[in-house]
Amino acid sequence: MFRRRVEVSTATMLERYRAGLFPMAETRESRDLFWLDPEKRGILPLENFHLPRRLRRTALSGEYAIVVDTQFEAVIDGCAAPAPGREESWINREIRALFLALHRQGHAHSVECLHDGALCGGLYGLSIGGAFFGESMFSRRRDASKVALAHLVARLRLGGYRLLDAQFITTHLAQFGAIEVGRRHYLTLLETATAEHGAWAQDAAAVREAVRDMREPA
């Protein structure tokens, strides 16, 4: 991979994501921003998403209410905040500002998990055509981010999305069927997906039924 410092705008962000790059900072306090182009890319195949039975029960139990795009700023701040095992963050002030601007322009979205009306977990990412680039997630209650992820995948499936980019594979994502692909294959998937139209807005009841229909791990 390569990294180089750049000055960016929202237009630059969209252009670079289309080219297969994504930005990170060394720390949340860093003033530097780098574009990454890894040899291997993590993706979550939408049609092969694995939802464990226990997590499906949680997602459908009513314990959590799932909404989208109502607390985007709070979600990105939750993702950047220190947490056990994740004391540092790659989300610095510039990345935060850029994604807030992208959200205002309709390009960036959040999935929010609420418990008794309070935000307790969620995720955010960037949407370009039929590709969704998952940036980060956080959880303050058990399974909150996992439930948000299941709802994201259901929403993307219903909306005709073709690609869910996870950037890097983690143990957390592997349990859901995430795989790693080489750069050349990823760029082919990316070109196809961004040429399509993904519809973000979906009926909440339809998303819930799509979660119910998700398959369990083999």
Protein backbone atom coordinates (compact mmCIF):
# COMPACT_ATOMS: atom_id res chain seq x y z
CA MET A 1 0.00 0.00 0.00
CA PHE A 2 1.07 3.60 -0.29
CA ARG A 3 0.35 6.63 1.83
CA ARG A 4 0.78 10.27 1.00
CA ARG A 5 -0.44 13.48 2.50
CA VAL A 6 -3.07 15.34 0.51
CA GLU A 7 -5.43 18.26 0.82
CA VAL A 8 -8.95 16.98 0.33
CA SER A 9 -12.47 18.17 -0.35
CA THR A 10 -15.69 16.18 -0.54
CA ALA A 11 -15.27 16.02 -4.33
CA THR A 12 -11.78 14.58 -3.83
CA MET A 13 -13.19 12.05 -1.38
CA LEU A 14 -15.74 10.78 -3.89
CA GLU A 15 -13.17 10.68 -6.68
CA ARG A 16 -10.62 8.76 -4.60
CA TYR A 17 -13.13 6.25 -3.26
CA ARG A 18 -14.17 5.53 -6.85
CA ALA A 19 -10.50 4.85 -7.58
CA GLY A 20 -10.23 2.35 -4.72
CA LEU A 21 -8.53 4.55 -2.12
CA PHE A 22 -9.63 5.54 1.37
CA PRO A 23 -8.26 8.00 3.96
CA MET A 24 -6.96 7.42 7.48
CA ALA A 25 -5.05 9.40 10.10
CA GLU A 26 -2.36 8.07 12.42
CA THR A 27 -4.28 9.23 15.52
CA ARG A 28 -7.35 11.26 16.36
CA GLU A 29 -5.08 14.20 17.18
CA SER A 30 -3.00 13.94 14.01
CA ARG A 31 -3.15 16.74 11.47
CA ASP A 32 -1.96 14.45 8.69
CA LEU A 33 -4.28 12.49 6.42
CA PHE A 34 -3.19 9.62 4.21
CA TRP A 35 -4.80 7.70 1.36
CA LEU A 36 -4.48 3.93 1.60
CA ASP A 37 -4.46 1.46 -1.28
CA PRO A 38 -4.01 -2.00 0.30
CA GLU A 39 -2.92 -5.08 -1.65
CA LYS A 40 -5.78 -7.01 -0.03
CA ARG A 41 -9.25 -5.56 0.57
CA GLY A 42 -11.92 -6.78 2.94
CA ILE A 43 -15.46 -7.03 1.61
CA LEU A 44 -18.73 -8.42 2.96
CA PRO A 45 -20.50 -10.29 0.14
CA LEU A 46 -24.08 -9.12 0.50
CA GLU A 47 -25.75 -12.35 -0.60
CA ASN A 48 -23.50 -14.47 1.61
CA PHE A 49 -23.90 -12.51 4.82
CA HIS A 50 -24.08 -14.88 7.81
CA LEU A 51 -26.40 -13.96 10.67
CA PRO A 52 -26.13 -16.25 13.73
CA ARG A 53 -29.45 -17.41 15.15
CA ARG A 54 -28.89 -15.74 18.52
CA LEU A 55 -28.11 -12.41 16.88
CA ARG A 56 -31.18 -12.68 14.65
CA ARG A 57 -33.32 -13.13 17.76
CA THR A 58 -31.75 -10.04 19.29
CA ALA A 59 -32.22 -8.01 16.10
CA LEU A 60 -35.91 -8.92 15.93
CA SER A 61 -36.68 -8.85 19.65
CA GLY A 62 -37.48 -5.16 19.92
CA GLU A 63 -34.71 -4.62 22.45
CA TYR A 64 -33.14 -2.15 20.03
CA ALA A 65 -34.79 0.34 17.71
CA ILE A 66 -32.95 0.89 14.43
CA VAL A 67 -33.08 4.22 12.62
CA VAL A 68 -30.92 5.81 9.95
CA ASP A 69 -29.40 9.25 9.41
CA THR A 70 -30.89 10.87 12.52
CA GLN A 71 -27.69 11.14 14.62
CA PHE A 72 -24.86 10.95 12.10
CA GLU A 73 -22.58 13.27 14.04
CA ALA A 74 -23.08 11.31 17.27
CA VAL A 75 -22.32 8.06 15.45
CA ILE A 76 -19.03 9.26 14.01
CA ASP A 77 -18.09 10.64 17.43
CA GLY A 78 -18.97 7.29 19.00
CA CYS A 79 -16.74 5.53 16.49
CA ALA A 80 -13.84 7.90 17.23
CA ALA A 81 -14.19 7.79 21.02
CA PRO A 82 -11.79 5.69 23.13
CA ALA A 83 -13.12 2.25 24.05
CA PRO A 84 -11.64 -0.87 25.70
CA GLY A 85 -9.21 -2.38 23.22
CA ARG A 86 -9.51 0.68 20.97
CA GLU A 87 -7.96 3.55 22.87
CA GLU A 88 -6.74 5.29 19.70
CA SER A 89 -8.63 6.21 16.54
CA TRP A 90 -7.81 6.87 12.89
CA ILE A 91 -10.72 9.35 12.71
CA ASN A 92 -9.19 12.79 13.13
CA ARG A 93 -10.76 16.24 12.93
CA GLU A 94 -10.39 16.48 9.15
CA ILE A 95 -11.98 13.10 8.45
CA ARG A 96 -14.82 13.98 10.81
CA ALA A 97 -15.44 17.30 9.05
CA LEU A 98 -15.31 15.72 5.60
CA PHE A 99 -17.81 13.00 6.48
CA LEU A 100 -20.16 15.49 8.11
CA ALA A 101 -20.08 17.46 4.86
CA LEU A 102 -20.62 14.30 2.82
CA HIS A 103 -23.60 13.46 5.02
CA ARG A 104 -25.11 16.90 4.45
CA GLN A 105 -24.67 16.33 0.70
CA GLY A 106 -26.47 12.98 0.92
CA HIS A 107 -23.44 10.78 0.26
CA ALA A 108 -22.69 9.49 3.77
CA HIS A 109 -25.14 7.59 5.95
CA SER A 110 -25.43 6.16 9.44
CA VAL A 111 -27.34 3.26 10.94
CA GLU A 112 -28.19 3.95 14.58
CA CYS A 113 -29.08 1.49 17.32
CA LEU A 114 -31.22 2.93 20.13
CA HIS A 115 -32.08 1.51 23.54
CA ASP A 116 -34.85 3.29 25.43
CA GLY A 117 -34.42 6.16 22.97
CA ALA A 118 -30.68 6.60 23.60
CA LEU A 119 -27.96 5.94 21.05
CA CYS A 120 -26.03 2.83 22.12
CA GLY A 121 -24.30 1.76 18.92
CA GLY A 122 -24.16 2.13 15.19
CA LEU A 123 -22.07 2.54 12.09
CA TYR A 124 -21.47 4.97 9.27
CA GLY A 125 -20.16 4.87 5.73
CA LEU A 126 -20.13 6.34 2.25
CA SER A 127 -22.51 5.49 -0.58
CA ILE A 128 -21.49 5.83 -4.23
CA GLY A 129 -23.78 4.28 -6.81
CA GLY A 130 -24.28 0.64 -5.84
CA ALA A 131 -21.26 0.55 -3.51
CA PHE A 132 -21.29 1.20 0.22
CA PHE A 133 -18.01 1.80 2.01
CA GLY A 134 -18.34 0.86 5.66
CA GLU A 135 -16.06 3.14 7.68
CA SER A 136 -16.45 2.31 11.35
CA MET A 137 -18.86 1.06 14.02
CA PHE A 138 -19.19 1.28 17.77
CA SER A 139 -21.18 -0.31 20.56
CA ARG A 140 -22.05 0.68 24.12
CA ARG A 141 -24.36 -2.28 24.72
CA ARG A 142 -24.02 -5.93 23.82
CA ASP A 143 -24.56 -6.64 20.11
CA ALA A 144 -25.64 -3.08 19.28
CA SER A 145 -23.14 -2.62 16.42
CA LYS A 146 -23.82 -6.16 15.14
CA VAL A 147 -27.55 -5.48 14.98
CA ALA A 148 -26.81 -2.24 13.11
CA LEU A 149 -24.65 -4.19 10.66
CA ALA A 150 -27.40 -6.74 9.99
CA HIS A 151 -29.83 -3.91 9.28
CA LEU A 152 -27.29 -2.24 7.00
CA VAL A 153 -26.87 -5.40 4.94
CA ALA A 154 -30.65 -5.87 4.69
CA ARG A 155 -31.06 -2.25 3.54
CA LEU A 156 -28.29 -2.60 0.94
CA ARG A 157 -29.77 -5.81 -0.44
CA LEU A 158 -33.20 -4.25 -0.80
CA GLY A 159 -31.70 -1.16 -2.41
CA GLY A 160 -29.87 -3.08 -5.13
CA TYR A 161 -26.34 -2.41 -3.86
CA ARG A 162 -23.62 -4.64 -5.29
CA LEU A 163 -20.65 -4.07 -2.96
CA LEU A 164 -20.11 -3.61 0.77
CA ASP A 165 -16.50 -2.57 1.30
CA ALA A 166 -15.15 -3.40 4.78
CA GLN A 167 -11.60 -2.13 4.06
CA PHE A 168 -9.82 -4.70 6.26
CA ILE A 169 -10.81 -8.13 7.57
CA THR A 170 -11.24 -8.47 11.33
CA THR A 171 -12.30 -11.42 13.48
CA HIS A 172 -15.47 -9.46 14.21
CA LEU A 173 -16.35 -9.22 10.50
CA ALA A 174 -15.16 -12.71 9.54
CA GLN A 175 -17.98 -14.28 11.57
CA PHE A 176 -20.45 -12.63 9.20
CA GLY A 177 -18.80 -14.00 6.05
CA ALA A 178 -16.34 -11.23 5.24
CA ILE A 179 -13.62 -12.22 2.78
CA GLU A 180 -10.40 -10.75 1.46
CA VAL A 181 -9.82 -10.09 -2.24
CA GLY A 182 -6.83 -8.82 -4.18
CA ARG A 183 -6.61 -5.26 -5.42
CA ARG A 184 -7.27 -6.09 -9.08
CA HIS A 185 -10.39 -8.10 -8.29
CA TYR A 186 -11.58 -5.44 -5.89
CA LEU A 187 -11.23 -2.71 -8.52
CA THR A 188 -13.34 -4.79 -10.94
CA LEU A 189 -16.05 -5.19 -8.30
CA LEU A 190 -15.83 -1.49 -7.49
CA GLU A 191 -16.17 -0.35 -11.10
CA THR A 192 -19.24 -2.54 -11.59
CA ALA A 193 -20.87 -1.46 -8.34
CA THR A 194 -20.33 2.29 -8.68
CA ALA A 195 -21.87 2.18 -12.16
CA GLU A 196 -25.12 0.89 -10.64
CA HIS A 197 -27.77 2.80 -8.69
CA GLY A 198 -28.20 1.92 -5.02
CA ALA A 199 -31.39 3.10 -3.33
CA TRP A 200 -30.63 3.94 0.30
CA ALA A 201 -34.17 4.77 1.42
CA GLN A 202 -36.08 1.63 2.33
CA ASP A 203 -39.26 0.79 4.23
CA ALA A 204 -38.40 -0.14 7.83
CA ALA A 205 -40.81 -3.08 7.83
CA ALA A 206 -39.24 -4.47 4.65
CA VAL A 207 -35.76 -4.14 6.18
CA ARG A 208 -36.93 -6.04 9.27
CA GLU A 209 -38.31 -8.87 7.09
CA ALA A 210 -35.04 -8.98 5.16
CA VAL A 211 -33.19 -9.40 8.46
CA ARG A 212 -35.54 -12.24 9.36
CA ASP A 213 -34.73 -13.97 6.07
CA MET A 214 -30.94 -13.83 6.47
CA ARG A 215 -29.22 -17.19 6.51
CA GLU A 216 -27.22 -18.65 9.38
CA PRO A 217 -23.54 -19.60 9.16
CA ALA A 218 -22.98 -23.02 7.57
